[in-house]
Every structure is written in C-alpha cells, then in structure tokens.
Full PDB file with SEQRES, HELIX, SHEET, SSBOND, CRYST1, ORIGX, SCALE, CONECT and MASTER records, all heavy atoms in Angstrom:
SEQRES   1 A   41  ASP PRO LEU ALA LEU TRP ALA ALA ASN ALA ALA ALA GLY          
SEQRES   2 A   41  ASN PRO PRO ASP ALA PRO ALA LEU GLU LEU THR ALA PRO          
SEQRES   3 A   41  GLY PRO VAL LEU ARG ALA LEU ASP ASP LEU THR VAL ALA          
SEQRES   4 A   41  VAL ALA                                                      
HELIX    1 AA1 PRO A    2  ALA A   12  1                                  11    
CRYST1    1.000    1.000    1.000  90.00  90.00  90.00 P 1           1          
ORIGX1      1.000000  0.000000  0.000000        0.00000                         
ORIGX2      0.000000  1.000000  0.000000        0.00000                         
ORIGX3      0.000000  0.000000  1.000000        0.00000                         
SCALE1      1.000000  0.000000  0.000000        0.00000                         
SCALE2      0.000000  1.000000  0.000000        0.00000                         
SCALE3      0.000000  0.000000  1.000000        0.00000                         
ATOM      1  N   ASP A   1     -13.834  16.589  14.745  1.00  0.00           N  
ATOM      2  CA  ASP A   1     -14.865  15.803  14.069  1.00  0.00           C  
ATOM      3  C   ASP A   1     -14.504  14.322  14.210  1.00  0.00           C  
ATOM      4  O   ASP A   1     -13.794  13.763  13.364  1.00  0.00           O  
ATOM      5  CB  ASP A   1     -14.961  16.186  12.591  1.00  0.00           C  
ATOM      6  CG  ASP A   1     -16.092  15.461  11.864  1.00  0.00           C  
ATOM      7  OD1 ASP A   1     -16.677  14.526  12.449  1.00  0.00           O  
ATOM      8  OD2 ASP A   1     -16.386  15.830  10.713  1.00  0.00           O  
ATOM      9  N   PRO A   2     -14.958  13.657  15.280  1.00  0.00           N  
ATOM     10  CA  PRO A   2     -14.589  12.251  15.476  1.00  0.00           C  
ATOM     11  C   PRO A   2     -14.992  11.353  14.320  1.00  0.00           C  
ATOM     12  O   PRO A   2     -14.266  10.408  13.987  1.00  0.00           O  
ATOM     13  CB  PRO A   2     -15.344  11.877  16.761  1.00  0.00           C  
ATOM     14  CG  PRO A   2     -15.589  13.163  17.470  1.00  0.00           C  
ATOM     15  CD  PRO A   2     -15.773  14.183  16.387  1.00  0.00           C  
ATOM     16  N   LEU A   3     -16.134  11.622  13.680  1.00  0.00           N  
ATOM     17  CA  LEU A   3     -16.563  10.771  12.566  1.00  0.00           C  
ATOM     18  C   LEU A   3     -15.556  10.809  11.429  1.00  0.00           C  
ATOM     19  O   LEU A   3     -15.261   9.778  10.810  1.00  0.00           O  
ATOM     20  CB  LEU A   3     -17.933  11.211  12.045  1.00  0.00           C  
ATOM     21  CG  LEU A   3     -19.164  10.567  12.710  1.00  0.00           C  
ATOM     22  CD1 LEU A   3     -19.312  11.062  14.135  1.00  0.00           C  
ATOM     23  CD2 LEU A   3     -20.419  10.864  11.903  1.00  0.00           C  
ATOM     24  N   ALA A   4     -15.028  11.988  11.133  1.00  0.00           N  
ATOM     25  CA  ALA A   4     -14.045  12.102  10.062  1.00  0.00           C  
ATOM     26  C   ALA A   4     -12.748  11.396  10.443  1.00  0.00           C  
ATOM     27  O   ALA A   4     -12.114  10.753   9.606  1.00  0.00           O  
ATOM     28  CB  ALA A   4     -13.792  13.573   9.748  1.00  0.00           C  
ATOM     29  N   LEU A   5     -12.339  11.507  11.708  1.00  0.00           N  
ATOM     30  CA  LEU A   5     -11.154  10.779  12.171  1.00  0.00           C  
ATOM     31  C   LEU A   5     -11.357   9.282  11.998  1.00  0.00           C  
ATOM     32  O   LEU A   5     -10.467   8.568  11.516  1.00  0.00           O  
ATOM     33  CB  LEU A   5     -10.866  11.118  13.628  1.00  0.00           C  
ATOM     34  CG  LEU A   5      -9.735  10.321  14.294  1.00  0.00           C  
ATOM     35  CD1 LEU A   5      -8.385  10.701  13.704  1.00  0.00           C  
ATOM     36  CD2 LEU A   5      -9.749  10.533  15.809  1.00  0.00           C  
ATOM     37  N   TRP A   6     -12.527   8.784  12.408  1.00  0.00           N  
ATOM     38  CA  TRP A   6     -12.816   7.358  12.291  1.00  0.00           C  
ATOM     39  C   TRP A   6     -12.763   6.910  10.835  1.00  0.00           C  
ATOM     40  O   TRP A   6     -12.220   5.857  10.519  1.00  0.00           O  
ATOM     41  CB  TRP A   6     -14.184   7.038  12.884  1.00  0.00           C  
ATOM     42  CG  TRP A   6     -14.329   7.365  14.338  1.00  0.00           C  
ATOM     43  CD1 TRP A   6     -13.326   7.586  15.239  1.00  0.00           C  
ATOM     44  CD2 TRP A   6     -15.550   7.522  15.058  1.00  0.00           C  
ATOM     45  NE1 TRP A   6     -13.848   7.868  16.475  1.00  0.00           N  
ATOM     46  CE2 TRP A   6     -15.210   7.838  16.393  1.00  0.00           C  
ATOM     47  CE3 TRP A   6     -16.892   7.445  14.721  1.00  0.00           C  
ATOM     48  CZ2 TRP A   6     -16.174   8.063  17.384  1.00  0.00           C  
ATOM     49  CZ3 TRP A   6     -17.851   7.667  15.699  1.00  0.00           C  
ATOM     50  CH2 TRP A   6     -17.488   7.967  17.012  1.00  0.00           C  
ATOM     51  N   ALA A   7     -13.351   7.705   9.940  1.00  0.00           N  
ATOM     52  CA  ALA A   7     -13.397   7.332   8.522  1.00  0.00           C  
ATOM     53  C   ALA A   7     -11.993   7.288   7.924  1.00  0.00           C  
ATOM     54  O   ALA A   7     -11.664   6.378   7.151  1.00  0.00           O  
ATOM     55  CB  ALA A   7     -14.283   8.300   7.749  1.00  0.00           C  
ATOM     56  N   ALA A   8     -11.164   8.268   8.254  1.00  0.00           N  
ATOM     57  CA  ALA A   8      -9.796   8.289   7.737  1.00  0.00           C  
ATOM     58  C   ALA A   8      -9.011   7.092   8.261  1.00  0.00           C  
ATOM     59  O   ALA A   8      -8.306   6.412   7.496  1.00  0.00           O  
ATOM     60  CB  ALA A   8      -9.112   9.592   8.110  1.00  0.00           C  
ATOM     61  N   ASN A   9      -9.124   6.818   9.552  1.00  0.00           N  
ATOM     62  CA  ASN A   9      -8.382   5.694  10.128  1.00  0.00           C  
ATOM     63  C   ASN A   9      -8.866   4.351   9.582  1.00  0.00           C  
ATOM     64  O   ASN A   9      -8.065   3.444   9.350  1.00  0.00           O  
ATOM     65  CB  ASN A   9      -8.490   5.724  11.652  1.00  0.00           C  
ATOM     66  CG  ASN A   9      -7.413   6.578  12.299  1.00  0.00           C  
ATOM     67  OD1 ASN A   9      -6.272   6.599  11.844  1.00  0.00           O  
ATOM     68  ND2 ASN A   9      -7.763   7.269  13.361  1.00  0.00           N  
ATOM     69  N   ALA A  10     -10.174   4.211   9.385  1.00  0.00           N  
ATOM     70  CA  ALA A  10     -10.694   2.956   8.837  1.00  0.00           C  
ATOM     71  C   ALA A  10     -10.104   2.684   7.456  1.00  0.00           C  
ATOM     72  O   ALA A  10      -9.693   1.561   7.147  1.00  0.00           O  
ATOM     73  CB  ALA A  10     -12.223   3.002   8.762  1.00  0.00           C  
ATOM     74  N   ALA A  11     -10.051   3.723   6.624  1.00  0.00           N  
ATOM     75  CA  ALA A  11      -9.516   3.549   5.272  1.00  0.00           C  
ATOM     76  C   ALA A  11      -8.022   3.251   5.280  1.00  0.00           C  
ATOM     77  O   ALA A  11      -7.508   2.579   4.379  1.00  0.00           O  
ATOM     78  CB  ALA A  11      -9.798   4.791   4.439  1.00  0.00           C  
ATOM     79  N   ALA A  12      -7.302   3.752   6.303  1.00  0.00           N  
ATOM     80  CA  ALA A  12      -5.862   3.512   6.407  1.00  0.00           C  
ATOM     81  C   ALA A  12      -5.539   2.204   7.123  1.00  0.00           C  
ATOM     82  O   ALA A  12      -4.364   1.842   7.231  1.00  0.00           O  
ATOM     83  CB  ALA A  12      -5.196   4.678   7.131  1.00  0.00           C  
ATOM     84  N   GLY A  13      -6.573   1.511   7.637  1.00  0.00           N  
ATOM     85  CA  GLY A  13      -6.341   0.253   8.326  1.00  0.00           C  
ATOM     86  C   GLY A  13      -5.898   0.417   9.759  1.00  0.00           C  
ATOM     87  O   GLY A  13      -5.171  -0.437  10.289  1.00  0.00           O  
ATOM     88  N   ASN A  14      -6.342   1.501  10.411  1.00  0.00           N  
ATOM     89  CA  ASN A  14      -5.981   1.790  11.801  1.00  0.00           C  
ATOM     90  C   ASN A  14      -7.169   1.615  12.730  1.00  0.00           C  
ATOM     91  O   ASN A  14      -8.326   1.649  12.291  1.00  0.00           O  
ATOM     92  CB  ASN A  14      -5.492   3.241  11.938  1.00  0.00           C  
ATOM     93  CG  ASN A  14      -4.215   3.517  11.201  1.00  0.00           C  
ATOM     94  OD1 ASN A  14      -3.388   2.625  11.015  1.00  0.00           O  
ATOM     95  ND2 ASN A  14      -4.035   4.759  10.773  1.00  0.00           N  
ATOM     96  N   PRO A  15      -6.939   1.492  14.041  1.00  0.00           N  
ATOM     97  CA  PRO A  15      -8.035   1.596  15.004  1.00  0.00           C  
ATOM     98  C   PRO A  15      -8.710   2.962  14.880  1.00  0.00           C  
ATOM     99  O   PRO A  15      -8.078   3.939  14.444  1.00  0.00           O  
ATOM    100  CB  PRO A  15      -7.334   1.437  16.362  1.00  0.00           C  
ATOM    101  CG  PRO A  15      -6.041   0.759  16.060  1.00  0.00           C  
ATOM    102  CD  PRO A  15      -5.638   1.221  14.693  1.00  0.00           C  
ATOM    103  N   PRO A  16      -9.977   3.070  15.267  1.00  0.00           N  
ATOM    104  CA  PRO A  16     -10.724   4.313  15.031  1.00  0.00           C  
ATOM    105  C   PRO A  16     -10.077   5.568  15.609  1.00  0.00           C  
ATOM    106  O   PRO A  16     -10.096   6.628  14.975  1.00  0.00           O  
ATOM    107  CB  PRO A  16     -12.081   4.039  15.697  1.00  0.00           C  
ATOM    108  CG  PRO A  16     -12.211   2.555  15.698  1.00  0.00           C  
ATOM    109  CD  PRO A  16     -10.824   2.017  15.853  1.00  0.00           C  
ATOM    110  N   ASP A  17      -9.512   5.476  16.827  1.00  0.00           N  
ATOM    111  CA  ASP A  17      -8.997   6.666  17.497  1.00  0.00           C  
ATOM    112  C   ASP A  17      -7.495   6.818  17.379  1.00  0.00           C  
ATOM    113  O   ASP A  17      -6.872   7.540  18.169  1.00  0.00           O  
ATOM    114  CB  ASP A  17      -9.405   6.640  18.980  1.00  0.00           C  
ATOM    115  CG  ASP A  17     -10.904   6.835  19.163  1.00  0.00           C  
ATOM    116  OD1 ASP A  17     -11.507   7.535  18.335  1.00  0.00           O  
ATOM    117  OD2 ASP A  17     -11.474   6.292  20.127  1.00  0.00           O  
ATOM    118  N   ALA A  18      -6.864   6.156  16.405  1.00  0.00           N  
ATOM    119  CA  ALA A  18      -5.421   6.271  16.218  1.00  0.00           C  
ATOM    120  C   ALA A  18      -5.034   7.716  15.918  1.00  0.00           C  
ATOM    121  O   ALA A  18      -5.800   8.469  15.302  1.00  0.00           O  
ATOM    122  CB  ALA A  18      -4.969   5.364  15.073  1.00  0.00           C  
ATOM    123  N   PRO A  19      -3.843   8.144  16.344  1.00  0.00           N  
ATOM    124  CA  PRO A  19      -3.402   9.509  16.053  1.00  0.00           C  
ATOM    125  C   PRO A  19      -3.329   9.772  14.550  1.00  0.00           C  
ATOM    126  O   PRO A  19      -2.875   8.926  13.769  1.00  0.00           O  
ATOM    127  CB  PRO A  19      -2.010   9.589  16.690  1.00  0.00           C  
ATOM    128  CG  PRO A  19      -2.001   8.516  17.733  1.00  0.00           C  
ATOM    129  CD  PRO A  19      -2.871   7.424  17.185  1.00  0.00           C  
ATOM    130  N   ALA A  20      -3.788  10.952  14.165  1.00  0.00           N  
ATOM    131  CA  ALA A  20      -3.773  11.387  12.771  1.00  0.00           C  
ATOM    132  C   ALA A  20      -3.470  12.879  12.750  1.00  0.00           C  
ATOM    133  O   ALA A  20      -3.388  13.530  13.806  1.00  0.00           O  
ATOM    134  CB  ALA A  20      -5.113  11.098  12.100  1.00  0.00           C  
ATOM    135  N   LEU A  21      -3.297  13.420  11.570  1.00  0.00           N  
ATOM    136  CA  LEU A  21      -3.094  14.858  11.434  1.00  0.00           C  
ATOM    137  C   LEU A  21      -4.444  15.537  11.222  1.00  0.00           C  
ATOM    138  O   LEU A  21      -5.230  15.118  10.381  1.00  0.00           O  
ATOM    139  CB  LEU A  21      -2.172  15.174  10.261  1.00  0.00           C  
ATOM    140  CG  LEU A  21      -0.709  14.747  10.394  1.00  0.00           C  
ATOM    141  CD1 LEU A  21       0.059  15.114   9.132  1.00  0.00           C  
ATOM    142  CD2 LEU A  21      -0.060  15.391  11.604  1.00  0.00           C  
ATOM    143  N   GLU A  22      -4.700  16.574  11.999  1.00  0.00           N  
ATOM    144  CA  GLU A  22      -5.893  17.401  11.823  1.00  0.00           C  
ATOM    145  C   GLU A  22      -5.445  18.739  11.249  1.00  0.00           C  
ATOM    146  O   GLU A  22      -4.455  19.309  11.696  1.00  0.00           O  
ATOM    147  CB  GLU A  22      -6.596  17.610  13.167  1.00  0.00           C  
ATOM    148  CG  GLU A  22      -7.843  18.491  13.061  1.00  0.00           C  
ATOM    149  CD  GLU A  22      -8.457  18.782  14.421  1.00  0.00           C  
ATOM    150  OE1 GLU A  22      -7.964  19.717  15.103  1.00  0.00           O  
ATOM    151  OE2 GLU A  22      -9.414  18.089  14.805  1.00  0.00           O  
ATOM    152  N   LEU A  23      -6.187  19.244  10.275  1.00  0.00           N  
ATOM    153  CA  LEU A  23      -5.784  20.494   9.629  1.00  0.00           C  
ATOM    154  C   LEU A  23      -6.999  21.282   9.191  1.00  0.00           C  
ATOM    155  O   LEU A  23      -8.112  20.754   9.108  1.00  0.00           O  
ATOM    156  CB  LEU A  23      -4.911  20.190   8.411  1.00  0.00           C  
ATOM    157  CG  LEU A  23      -5.520  19.239   7.385  1.00  0.00           C  
ATOM    158  CD1 LEU A  23      -5.659  19.917   6.035  1.00  0.00           C  
ATOM    159  CD2 LEU A  23      -4.666  17.990   7.270  1.00  0.00           C  
ATOM    160  N   THR A  24      -6.772  22.545   8.931  1.00  0.00           N  
ATOM    161  CA  THR A  24      -7.808  23.428   8.412  1.00  0.00           C  
ATOM    162  C   THR A  24      -7.192  24.287   7.324  1.00  0.00           C  
ATOM    163  O   THR A  24      -5.990  24.219   7.064  1.00  0.00           O  
ATOM    164  CB  THR A  24      -8.410  24.280   9.539  1.00  0.00           C  
ATOM    165  OG1 THR A  24      -9.568  24.963   9.052  1.00  0.00           O  
ATOM    166  CG2 THR A  24      -7.417  25.297  10.078  1.00  0.00           C  
ATOM    167  N   ALA A  25      -8.003  25.090   6.646  1.00  0.00           N  
ATOM    168  CA  ALA A  25      -7.498  25.899   5.542  1.00  0.00           C  
ATOM    169  C   ALA A  25      -6.873  27.197   6.060  1.00  0.00           C  
ATOM    170  O   ALA A  25      -7.401  27.793   6.999  1.00  0.00           O  
ATOM    171  CB  ALA A  25      -8.639  26.219   4.569  1.00  0.00           C  
ATOM    172  N   PRO A  26      -5.800  27.648   5.434  1.00  0.00           N  
ATOM    173  CA  PRO A  26      -5.043  26.972   4.384  1.00  0.00           C  
ATOM    174  C   PRO A  26      -4.266  25.782   4.935  1.00  0.00           C  
ATOM    175  O   PRO A  26      -3.689  25.856   6.024  1.00  0.00           O  
ATOM    176  CB  PRO A  26      -4.088  28.060   3.872  1.00  0.00           C  
ATOM    177  CG  PRO A  26      -3.955  29.011   5.018  1.00  0.00           C  
ATOM    178  CD  PRO A  26      -5.264  28.991   5.736  1.00  0.00           C  
ATOM    179  N   GLY A  27      -4.282  24.692   4.186  1.00  0.00           N  
ATOM    180  CA  GLY A  27      -3.693  23.446   4.654  1.00  0.00           C  
ATOM    181  C   GLY A  27      -2.194  23.376   4.430  1.00  0.00           C  
ATOM    182  O   GLY A  27      -1.587  24.243   3.791  1.00  0.00           O  
ATOM    183  N   PRO A  28      -1.576  22.318   4.936  1.00  0.00           N  
ATOM    184  CA  PRO A  28      -0.133  22.160   4.829  1.00  0.00           C  
ATOM    185  C   PRO A  28       0.291  21.580   3.486  1.00  0.00           C  
ATOM    186  O   PRO A  28      -0.534  21.117   2.691  1.00  0.00           O  
ATOM    187  CB  PRO A  28       0.183  21.178   5.960  1.00  0.00           C  
ATOM    188  CG  PRO A  28      -1.045  20.312   6.025  1.00  0.00           C  
ATOM    189  CD  PRO A  28      -2.197  21.236   5.724  1.00  0.00           C  
ATOM    190  N   VAL A  29       1.596  21.586   3.253  1.00  0.00           N  
ATOM    191  CA  VAL A  29       2.225  20.842   2.164  1.00  0.00           C  
ATOM    192  C   VAL A  29       3.178  19.856   2.815  1.00  0.00           C  
ATOM    193  O   VAL A  29       4.084  20.240   3.554  1.00  0.00           O  
ATOM    194  CB  VAL A  29       2.990  21.769   1.200  1.00  0.00           C  
ATOM    195  CG1 VAL A  29       3.717  20.939   0.136  1.00  0.00           C  
ATOM    196  CG2 VAL A  29       2.039  22.757   0.538  1.00  0.00           C  
ATOM    197  N   LEU A  30       2.954  18.550   2.551  1.00  0.00           N  
ATOM    198  CA  LEU A  30       3.707  17.489   3.212  1.00  0.00           C  
ATOM    199  C   LEU A  30       4.397  16.636   2.148  1.00  0.00           C  
ATOM    200  O   LEU A  30       3.756  16.158   1.218  1.00  0.00           O  
ATOM    201  CB  LEU A  30       2.762  16.610   4.039  1.00  0.00           C  
ATOM    202  CG  LEU A  30       1.868  17.350   5.046  1.00  0.00           C  
ATOM    203  CD1 LEU A  30       0.829  16.407   5.621  1.00  0.00           C  
ATOM    204  CD2 LEU A  30       2.707  17.964   6.155  1.00  0.00           C  
ATOM    205  N   ARG A  31       5.701  16.437   2.303  1.00  0.00           N  
ATOM    206  CA  ARG A  31       6.467  15.602   1.375  1.00  0.00           C  
ATOM    207  C   ARG A  31       6.734  14.251   2.014  1.00  0.00           C  
ATOM    208  O   ARG A  31       7.273  14.167   3.119  1.00  0.00           O  
ATOM    209  CB  ARG A  31       7.778  16.292   0.986  1.00  0.00           C  
ATOM    210  CG  ARG A  31       8.673  15.461   0.063  1.00  0.00           C  
ATOM    211  CD  ARG A  31       9.819  16.300  -0.492  1.00  0.00           C  
ATOM    212  NE  ARG A  31      10.524  17.003   0.554  1.00  0.00           N  
ATOM    213  CZ  ARG A  31      11.540  16.483   1.277  1.00  0.00           C  
ATOM    214  NH1 ARG A  31      11.937  15.234   1.044  1.00  0.00           N  
ATOM    215  NH2 ARG A  31      12.139  17.201   2.200  1.00  0.00           N  
ATOM    216  N   ALA A  32       6.362  13.184   1.323  1.00  0.00           N  
ATOM    217  CA  ALA A  32       6.529  11.842   1.856  1.00  0.00           C  
ATOM    218  C   ALA A  32       8.008  11.467   1.895  1.00  0.00           C  
ATOM    219  O   ALA A  32       8.730  11.622   0.902  1.00  0.00           O  
ATOM    220  CB  ALA A  32       5.758  10.837   1.015  1.00  0.00           C  
ATOM    221  N   LEU A  33       8.453  10.975   3.044  1.00  0.00           N  
ATOM    222  CA  LEU A  33       9.828  10.520   3.217  1.00  0.00           C  
ATOM    223  C   LEU A  33       9.957   9.012   3.040  1.00  0.00           C  
ATOM    224  O   LEU A  33      11.056   8.470   3.135  1.00  0.00           O  
ATOM    225  CB  LEU A  33      10.343  10.931   4.600  1.00  0.00           C  
ATOM    226  CG  LEU A  33      10.368  12.433   4.871  1.00  0.00           C  
ATOM    227  CD1 LEU A  33      10.816  12.710   6.292  1.00  0.00           C  
ATOM    228  CD2 LEU A  33      11.274  13.155   3.871  1.00  0.00           C  
ATOM    229  N   ASP A  34       8.842   8.344   2.809  1.00  0.00           N  
ATOM    230  CA  ASP A  34       8.809   6.898   2.608  1.00  0.00           C  
ATOM    231  C   ASP A  34       7.535   6.586   1.835  1.00  0.00           C  
ATOM    232  O   ASP A  34       6.651   7.443   1.702  1.00  0.00           O  
ATOM    233  CB  ASP A  34       8.819   6.178   3.960  1.00  0.00           C  
ATOM    234  CG  ASP A  34       9.217   4.717   3.850  1.00  0.00           C  
ATOM    235  OD1 ASP A  34       9.448   4.251   2.714  1.00  0.00           O  
ATOM    236  OD2 ASP A  34       9.285   4.040   4.889  1.00  0.00           O  
ATOM    237  N   ASP A  35       7.422   5.377   1.328  1.00  0.00           N  
ATOM    238  CA  ASP A  35       6.169   4.954   0.711  1.00  0.00           C  
ATOM    239  C   ASP A  35       5.136   4.755   1.816  1.00  0.00           C  
ATOM    240  O   ASP A  35       5.399   4.074   2.808  1.00  0.00           O  
ATOM    241  CB  ASP A  35       6.361   3.652  -0.066  1.00  0.00           C  
ATOM    242  CG  ASP A  35       7.253   3.823  -1.287  1.00  0.00           C  
ATOM    243  OD1 ASP A  35       7.526   4.984  -1.665  1.00  0.00           O  
ATOM    244  OD2 ASP A  35       7.675   2.804  -1.849  1.00  0.00           O  
ATOM    245  N   LEU A  36       3.963   5.346   1.631  1.00  0.00           N  
ATOM    246  CA  LEU A  36       2.945   5.364   2.684  1.00  0.00           C  
ATOM    247  C   LEU A  36       1.581   5.005   2.118  1.00  0.00           C  
ATOM    248  O   LEU A  36       1.290   5.270   0.951  1.00  0.00           O  
ATOM    249  CB  LEU A  36       2.839   6.765   3.314  1.00  0.00           C  
ATOM    250  CG  LEU A  36       4.084   7.394   3.905  1.00  0.00           C  
ATOM    251  CD1 LEU A  36       3.837   8.870   4.174  1.00  0.00           C  
ATOM    252  CD2 LEU A  36       4.470   6.674   5.193  1.00  0.00           C  
ATOM    253  N   THR A  37       0.740   4.441   2.984  1.00  0.00           N  
ATOM    254  CA  THR A  37      -0.691   4.354   2.698  1.00  0.00           C  
ATOM    255  C   THR A  37      -1.383   5.369   3.586  1.00  0.00           C  
ATOM    256  O   THR A  37      -1.228   5.344   4.820  1.00  0.00           O  
ATOM    257  CB  THR A  37      -1.242   2.949   2.977  1.00  0.00           C  
ATOM    258  OG1 THR A  37      -0.621   2.019   2.098  1.00  0.00           O  
ATOM    259  CG2 THR A  37      -2.760   2.905   2.748  1.00  0.00           C  
ATOM    260  N   VAL A  38      -2.129   6.276   2.979  1.00  0.00           N  
ATOM    261  CA  VAL A  38      -2.797   7.343   3.717  1.00  0.00           C  
ATOM    262  C   VAL A  38      -4.261   7.388   3.321  1.00  0.00           C  
ATOM    263  O   VAL A  38      -4.685   6.781   2.330  1.00  0.00           O  
ATOM    264  CB  VAL A  38      -2.141   8.721   3.465  1.00  0.00           C  
ATOM    265  CG1 VAL A  38      -0.644   8.682   3.759  1.00  0.00           C  
ATOM    266  CG2 VAL A  38      -2.393   9.186   2.035  1.00  0.00           C  
ATOM    267  N   ALA A  39      -5.037   8.124   4.101  1.00  0.00           N  
ATOM    268  CA  ALA A  39      -6.430   8.402   3.760  1.00  0.00           C  
ATOM    269  C   ALA A  39      -6.779   9.776   4.304  1.00  0.00           C  
ATOM    270  O   ALA A  39      -6.314  10.162   5.387  1.00  0.00           O  
ATOM    271  CB  ALA A  39      -7.364   7.346   4.336  1.00  0.00           C  
ATOM    272  N   VAL A  40      -7.581  10.510   3.565  1.00  0.00           N  
ATOM    273  CA  VAL A  40      -7.997  11.863   3.946  1.00  0.00           C  
ATOM    274  C   VAL A  40      -9.507  11.877   4.079  1.00  0.00           C  
ATOM    275  O   VAL A  40     -10.224  11.359   3.212  1.00  0.00           O  
ATOM    276  CB  VAL A  40      -7.546  12.898   2.897  1.00  0.00           C  
ATOM    277  CG1 VAL A  40      -7.997  14.299   3.298  1.00  0.00           C  
ATOM    278  CG2 VAL A  40      -6.034  12.859   2.719  1.00  0.00           C  
ATOM    279  N   ALA A  41     -10.013  12.455   5.164  1.00  0.00           N  
ATOM    280  CA  ALA A  41     -11.461  12.545   5.373  1.00  0.00           C  
ATOM    281  C   ALA A  41     -11.775  13.848   6.094  1.00  0.00           C  
ATOM    282  O   ALA A  41     -10.891  14.531   6.597  1.00  0.00           O  
ATOM    283  CB  ALA A  41     -11.968  11.344   6.180  1.00  0.00           C  
TER     284      ALA A  41                                                      
MASTER        0    0    0    1    0    0    0    6  283    1    0    4          
END                                                                             
C-alpha cells in the first residue's frame, strides 16, 4: 500500500519512499533500543 507508506514516512519526517517496516496480523512486538520518533499508518 504505497499511500500508507507515504503517510507513515511523512509523519516521521522521511522522504515518501524511505524504508519502513511492513506488517500484517498477527503483528510483531518491538522493543525500542533508543529514543525514537515513529509513525504507524
């Protein structure tokens, strides 16, 4: 879903096609190893 990728990257302050994590249900559990700014779309 390119639109969702674009929306997530825009909110995170990235170029539209920047690498991101794509997932489906059941989703992952991710523990932050540093302070991060993220966006989910």
